[in-house]
Amino acid sequence: MITNPILPGFHADPSICRVPGDGGDDYYIATSTFEWWPGVRIHHSRDLVHWRHHSYAVTRPSQLDLTGHPDSAGVWAPCLSYAQGQFWLIYTDVRSTIGAFKDTHNYLVTAPSIDGPWSEPIYLNSSGFDPSLFHDDDGRSWVLNQQWTHVPGKNHFNGILLQEYDREARRVVGPVKNIYTGTALGVVEGPHLYRRNGWYYLLTAEGGTFYEHAVTLARSRHIDGPYETLPGNPLMTAWHKKTDGLQRSGHASWVETAGGEWFMAHLCGRPLEWSGPHAARNNPAGGYDGLHCPLGRETALQRLHWRDDDWPEVVGGPQPSVQVAAPDLPPHPFPAEPARDDFDGPTLNPHLNSLRKPVDDSWASLTARPGHLR
């Protein structure tokens, strides 16, 4: 049984992929790290039930300079994929979020192994955020991202852009097309593209990142559209399900096992009710205002079922479940992580992050006072 969240605490915007192997498949999830260093946390599983932190992809200042980035800026919504025998990771470096303006730059890094080495970043565009890379069956690759517009009177979330990526030239080429402007839920972002049975499926996030968050789905016979939205959309949301254990659910990605089972990774939050003498004042109607998620946005996993009309649905209904049936894979638990760190090893615990700058011995030494972190 899968117990959600599979990645508890500060693991937002999960991008999941499968890597085939002779001894069984490996599954990886990349998550946002924002203004924290190193950038892009990667997690590993062999059975989709047991997960562990594996590595980081952005580990050199030449790949990312977070100097001057405001809180909650930095690395947004990485997309991890595996194709042509290598790993591809695309992400946004958000340098400013002041007012109606966002300074967003999208980059791509590649690696021959999940352990690296990861390349220097390839600049793609600055038209928005939440980029994704789709590898089509014909050998072509495509970049998608949310378009952010500053034009007065227009929706800042202006739709999902599509442009081809030339692997040989290592740059985007050809026309840019806005292929989907979302639904009445609004705030369309977080695109991921998949292909199945002759359909292109465009998975997006809508509703904003609070309790209205949702997973929206559309499909088309052609990669550049037109896209029709899932009847009865959204595919999943926890909105108006205040008593459910997983709230703020959205920003999803899909993976298919070798046995043909489909799963959806998504972010979520586990709120605590506001309590104390001011509870009624802060939440007078017993609504969502009094709920807080102290562990931030976490990662969960849901099972998908494909209907005869080639639309998927979330098993158990269009809301997230805490308990989900595991796939038909051999169990693969990992050794338990130490609950205590005495700073007596040669390297810093990889679970620890620093704010904007790499750890330097001048201010965080393990040798100046053995058994201490100075």
Foldseek 3Di string as FASTA:
>chain_A
DAFPPLFFFDFAQWAKEWDDDPVAIKMKIWGADFQWPPGIWIWIDRFNRAIDTDDHQRHDVLQDFSPQADPRFAWHRWHWYDDPQKIKIKTWHWRDDPDLDIFIWIWMWIANDPVGDIDRTQTEDRQAGQKYWDQDPVGWIKIKWFGADSDPPDARRAAIKIFTADPVVRYTDDDIARQGRDDPLAPWTQWDWDDDPQKIKIWTWGNDQAQRIFIWIWIASDPSDNTDTDVVDDLAACRPVVPAQWGSWYNWYWYAGPVGWIKIKIKTFGWDFADDPCNCVQQVPVDCRRTDGVSPITIHMFTWDADPVRDIHTPPHRYDDRDYDTDPGPDDHDDDDDPDDQLQDPDDDPVDIDRSDDDDCVQFNCPVDPSDTD
